[in-house]
N, C-alpha and C. Protein backbone atom coordinates (compact mmCIF):
# COMPACT_ATOMS: atom_id res chain seq x y z
N MET A 1 0.84 -1.17 0.00
CA MET A 1 0.00 0.00 0.00
C MET A 1 0.89 1.24 0.00
N LEU A 2 0.57 2.14 -0.89
CA LEU A 2 1.27 3.42 -0.94
C LEU A 2 0.61 4.36 0.06
N VAL A 3 1.39 4.98 0.92
CA VAL A 3 0.86 5.93 1.91
C VAL A 3 1.45 7.29 1.61
N LEU A 4 0.57 8.28 1.44
CA LEU A 4 0.99 9.64 1.11
C LEU A 4 0.50 10.61 2.18
N THR A 5 1.26 11.67 2.37
CA THR A 5 0.84 12.75 3.26
C THR A 5 0.47 13.95 2.40
N ARG A 6 -0.72 14.51 2.64
CA ARG A 6 -1.21 15.67 1.89
C ARG A 6 -1.78 16.68 2.86
N ARG A 7 -1.73 17.93 2.49
CA ARG A 7 -2.35 19.01 3.26
C ARG A 7 -3.60 19.47 2.52
N ARG A 8 -4.42 20.26 3.20
CA ARG A 8 -5.62 20.80 2.57
C ARG A 8 -5.25 21.54 1.29
N GLY A 9 -5.97 21.25 0.23
CA GLY A 9 -5.70 21.87 -1.06
C GLY A 9 -4.74 21.10 -1.94
N GLN A 10 -4.03 20.13 -1.37
CA GLN A 10 -3.11 19.32 -2.16
C GLN A 10 -3.85 18.12 -2.74
N ALA A 11 -3.28 17.56 -3.80
CA ALA A 11 -3.96 16.48 -4.52
C ALA A 11 -3.01 15.34 -4.82
N ILE A 12 -3.60 14.22 -5.18
CA ILE A 12 -2.86 13.11 -5.77
C ILE A 12 -3.58 12.74 -7.07
N CYS A 13 -2.85 12.20 -8.01
CA CYS A 13 -3.42 11.78 -9.29
C CYS A 13 -3.21 10.28 -9.45
N ILE A 14 -4.23 9.63 -9.95
CA ILE A 14 -4.17 8.20 -10.24
C ILE A 14 -4.40 8.06 -11.74
N GLY A 15 -3.38 7.62 -12.43
CA GLY A 15 -3.47 7.55 -13.88
C GLY A 15 -3.66 8.94 -14.46
N ASP A 16 -4.27 8.98 -15.64
CA ASP A 16 -4.50 10.26 -16.30
C ASP A 16 -5.88 10.83 -16.01
N ASN A 17 -6.77 10.02 -15.41
CA ASN A 17 -8.17 10.43 -15.33
C ASN A 17 -8.72 10.63 -13.93
N ILE A 18 -7.92 10.40 -12.89
CA ILE A 18 -8.44 10.52 -11.53
C ILE A 18 -7.56 11.47 -10.73
N ARG A 19 -8.20 12.45 -10.12
CA ARG A 19 -7.50 13.41 -9.27
C ARG A 19 -8.26 13.50 -7.95
N ILE A 20 -7.56 13.31 -6.84
CA ILE A 20 -8.17 13.35 -5.51
C ILE A 20 -7.56 14.52 -4.75
N VAL A 21 -8.43 15.42 -4.28
CA VAL A 21 -7.98 16.64 -3.61
C VAL A 21 -8.46 16.61 -2.16
N VAL A 22 -7.58 16.94 -1.23
CA VAL A 22 -7.97 17.11 0.17
C VAL A 22 -8.63 18.49 0.27
N THR A 23 -9.94 18.51 0.56
CA THR A 23 -10.64 19.79 0.61
C THR A 23 -10.82 20.31 2.03
N ARG A 24 -10.83 19.40 3.01
CA ARG A 24 -11.01 19.85 4.40
C ARG A 24 -10.50 18.79 5.36
N ILE A 25 -9.95 19.24 6.48
CA ILE A 25 -9.51 18.35 7.56
C ILE A 25 -10.10 18.91 8.85
N ASP A 26 -10.97 18.15 9.50
CA ASP A 26 -11.62 18.59 10.75
C ASP A 26 -11.80 17.41 11.69
N ASP A 27 -11.46 17.57 12.95
CA ASP A 27 -11.78 16.60 14.00
C ASP A 27 -11.55 15.15 13.60
N GLY A 28 -10.41 14.87 13.03
CA GLY A 28 -10.08 13.49 12.68
C GLY A 28 -10.73 12.99 11.39
N GLN A 29 -11.41 13.87 10.67
CA GLN A 29 -12.00 13.49 9.39
C GLN A 29 -11.35 14.27 8.27
N VAL A 30 -11.28 13.63 7.12
CA VAL A 30 -10.72 14.26 5.93
C VAL A 30 -11.82 14.28 4.87
N ARG A 31 -12.06 15.43 4.27
CA ARG A 31 -13.01 15.52 3.16
C ARG A 31 -12.21 15.55 1.87
N LEU A 32 -12.60 14.66 0.95
CA LEU A 32 -11.89 14.53 -0.32
C LEU A 32 -12.80 14.94 -1.47
N GLY A 33 -12.22 15.59 -2.44
CA GLY A 33 -12.89 15.85 -3.71
C GLY A 33 -12.27 14.95 -4.75
N ILE A 34 -13.12 14.31 -5.56
CA ILE A 34 -12.62 13.35 -6.55
C ILE A 34 -13.06 13.80 -7.93
N GLU A 35 -12.10 14.00 -8.80
CA GLU A 35 -12.37 14.35 -10.19
C GLU A 35 -12.03 13.14 -11.05
N SER A 36 -12.99 12.72 -11.88
CA SER A 36 -12.76 11.58 -12.76
C SER A 36 -13.72 11.65 -13.93
N SER A 37 -13.56 10.71 -14.86
CA SER A 37 -14.49 10.65 -15.98
C SER A 37 -15.86 10.22 -15.46
N GLU A 38 -16.91 10.62 -16.17
CA GLU A 38 -18.27 10.34 -15.73
C GLU A 38 -18.61 8.85 -15.74
N ASN A 39 -17.93 8.06 -16.54
CA ASN A 39 -18.27 6.64 -16.63
C ASN A 39 -17.60 5.80 -15.55
N LEU A 40 -16.87 6.42 -14.65
CA LEU A 40 -16.21 5.71 -13.56
C LEU A 40 -17.07 5.79 -12.31
N THR A 41 -17.42 4.63 -11.74
CA THR A 41 -18.20 4.59 -10.51
C THR A 41 -17.27 4.74 -9.32
N ILE A 42 -17.61 5.65 -8.42
CA ILE A 42 -16.82 5.88 -7.22
C ILE A 42 -17.74 5.67 -6.03
N LEU A 43 -17.37 4.75 -5.13
CA LEU A 43 -18.18 4.43 -3.97
C LEU A 43 -17.35 4.46 -2.70
N ARG A 44 -17.99 4.83 -1.60
CA ARG A 44 -17.35 4.65 -0.30
C ARG A 44 -17.25 3.15 -0.05
N GLU A 45 -16.20 2.72 0.59
CA GLU A 45 -15.96 1.28 0.79
C GLU A 45 -17.13 0.59 1.48
N GLU A 46 -17.76 1.25 2.45
CA GLU A 46 -18.85 0.61 3.19
C GLU A 46 -20.09 0.39 2.32
N LEU A 47 -20.20 1.05 1.17
CA LEU A 47 -21.33 0.84 0.27
C LEU A 47 -21.05 -0.20 -0.80
N LEU A 48 -19.80 -0.54 -0.99
CA LEU A 48 -19.41 -1.45 -2.06
C LEU A 48 -20.10 -2.81 -1.95
N GLU A 49 -20.14 -3.41 -0.77
CA GLU A 49 -20.75 -4.73 -0.59
C GLU A 49 -22.25 -4.67 -0.87
N THR A 50 -22.90 -3.60 -0.44
CA THR A 50 -24.33 -3.43 -0.70
C THR A 50 -24.61 -3.39 -2.20
N VAL A 51 -23.80 -2.66 -2.94
CA VAL A 51 -23.97 -2.56 -4.38
C VAL A 51 -23.70 -3.91 -5.05
N LYS A 52 -22.67 -4.62 -4.59
CA LYS A 52 -22.37 -5.94 -5.16
C LYS A 52 -23.55 -6.89 -4.98
N LEU A 53 -24.15 -6.91 -3.77
CA LEU A 53 -25.29 -7.79 -3.51
C LEU A 53 -26.49 -7.41 -4.37
N ALA A 54 -26.73 -6.12 -4.54
CA ALA A 54 -27.84 -5.68 -5.38
C ALA A 54 -27.62 -6.10 -6.82
N ASN A 55 -26.40 -6.00 -7.31
CA ASN A 55 -26.10 -6.41 -8.68
C ASN A 55 -26.27 -7.92 -8.86
N GLN A 56 -25.86 -8.69 -7.85
CA GLN A 56 -26.01 -10.14 -7.93
C GLN A 56 -27.47 -10.54 -7.95
N SER A 57 -28.29 -9.90 -7.12
CA SER A 57 -29.71 -10.26 -7.09
C SER A 57 -30.41 -9.85 -8.38
N ALA A 58 -29.90 -8.85 -9.06
CA ALA A 58 -30.48 -8.43 -10.34
C ALA A 58 -30.15 -9.43 -11.45
N GLN A 59 -29.18 -10.30 -11.20
CA GLN A 59 -28.76 -11.27 -12.21
C GLN A 59 -29.28 -12.66 -11.91
N THR A 60 -30.42 -12.78 -11.24
CA THR A 60 -30.91 -14.09 -10.82
C THR A 60 -31.70 -14.82 -11.90
N LEU A 61 -31.82 -14.25 -13.08
CA LEU A 61 -32.53 -14.91 -14.16
C LEU A 61 -31.74 -16.16 -14.59
N ALA A 62 -32.37 -17.31 -14.46
CA ALA A 62 -31.71 -18.57 -14.83
C ALA A 62 -31.59 -18.67 -16.34
N PRO A 63 -30.54 -19.34 -16.84
CA PRO A 63 -30.37 -19.48 -18.29
C PRO A 63 -31.59 -20.09 -18.97
N ASN A 64 -32.23 -21.07 -18.32
CA ASN A 64 -33.42 -21.69 -18.92
C ASN A 64 -34.55 -20.68 -19.06
N ASP A 65 -34.69 -19.79 -18.07
CA ASP A 65 -35.72 -18.76 -18.14
C ASP A 65 -35.47 -17.84 -19.32
N PHE A 66 -34.21 -17.47 -19.53
CA PHE A 66 -33.87 -16.60 -20.64
C PHE A 66 -34.14 -17.28 -21.98
N GLU A 67 -33.77 -18.56 -22.08
CA GLU A 67 -34.01 -19.30 -23.32
C GLU A 67 -35.50 -19.40 -23.61
N HIS A 68 -36.31 -19.64 -22.58
CA HIS A 68 -37.76 -19.71 -22.75
C HIS A 68 -38.29 -18.37 -23.25
N TRP A 69 -37.85 -17.29 -22.64
CA TRP A 69 -38.27 -15.95 -23.06
C TRP A 69 -37.87 -15.69 -24.51
N LEU A 70 -36.64 -16.08 -24.86
CA LEU A 70 -36.15 -15.86 -26.21
C LEU A 70 -36.99 -16.63 -27.23
N ARG A 71 -37.34 -17.88 -26.90
CA ARG A 71 -38.18 -18.68 -27.80
C ARG A 71 -39.54 -18.01 -27.98
N GLN A 72 -40.09 -17.46 -26.92
CA GLN A 72 -41.38 -16.78 -27.03
C GLN A 72 -41.28 -15.57 -27.96
N GLN A 73 -40.18 -14.86 -27.89
CA GLN A 73 -40.01 -13.68 -28.73
C GLN A 73 -39.90 -14.06 -30.20
N HIS A 74 -39.31 -15.21 -30.48
CA HIS A 74 -39.10 -15.63 -31.87
C HIS A 74 -40.10 -16.70 -32.30
N HIS A 75 -41.05 -17.03 -31.41
CA HIS A 75 -42.10 -18.01 -31.71
C HIS A 75 -41.51 -19.33 -32.20
N THR A 76 -40.57 -19.87 -31.43
CA THR A 76 -39.96 -21.15 -31.79
C THR A 76 -40.22 -22.16 -30.69
N ASP A 77 -40.10 -23.47 -31.03
CA ASP A 77 -40.26 -24.51 -30.03
C ASP A 77 -38.92 -24.77 -29.33
N ASP A 78 -38.87 -25.81 -28.49
CA ASP A 78 -37.66 -26.11 -27.73
C ASP A 78 -36.47 -26.47 -28.62
N ASN A 79 -36.72 -26.85 -29.86
CA ASN A 79 -35.64 -27.21 -30.78
C ASN A 79 -35.25 -26.07 -31.71
N GLY A 80 -35.88 -24.90 -31.52
CA GLY A 80 -35.55 -23.76 -32.35
C GLY A 80 -36.31 -23.70 -33.66
N HIS A 81 -37.29 -24.62 -33.84
CA HIS A 81 -38.10 -24.63 -35.06
C HIS A 81 -39.30 -23.71 -34.89
N PRO A 82 -39.77 -23.09 -35.97
CA PRO A 82 -40.95 -22.22 -35.87
C PRO A 82 -42.16 -23.01 -35.36
N GLU A 83 -42.92 -22.39 -34.45
CA GLU A 83 -44.12 -23.04 -33.93
C GLU A 83 -45.22 -23.01 -34.98
N ASP A 84 -46.11 -24.02 -34.91
CA ASP A 84 -47.27 -24.03 -35.81
C ASP A 84 -48.18 -22.88 -35.45
N GLU A 85 -48.74 -22.23 -36.46
CA GLU A 85 -49.61 -21.10 -36.20
C GLU A 85 -51.07 -21.52 -36.18
N SER A 86 -51.37 -22.81 -36.10
CA SER A 86 -52.75 -23.28 -36.10
C SER A 86 -53.41 -23.16 -34.76
């Protein structure tokens, strides 16, 4: 782990697209400003696990369920053949 010392107003850069600035230091807390590209997700560590669990629960669609849905969209049977329209 790299450990750096910064004062209020000083920054560190990570790669070309991330800049972290110390904006305030009060009573044992540090306030940071983070500049990055809009497509980069930035989370406090304590929220990361919550987001991971939410993403996992959103992916609970079983492969068989997806295949069934896909067949319905294309009107095919279990073998991929067009269903009879009678």
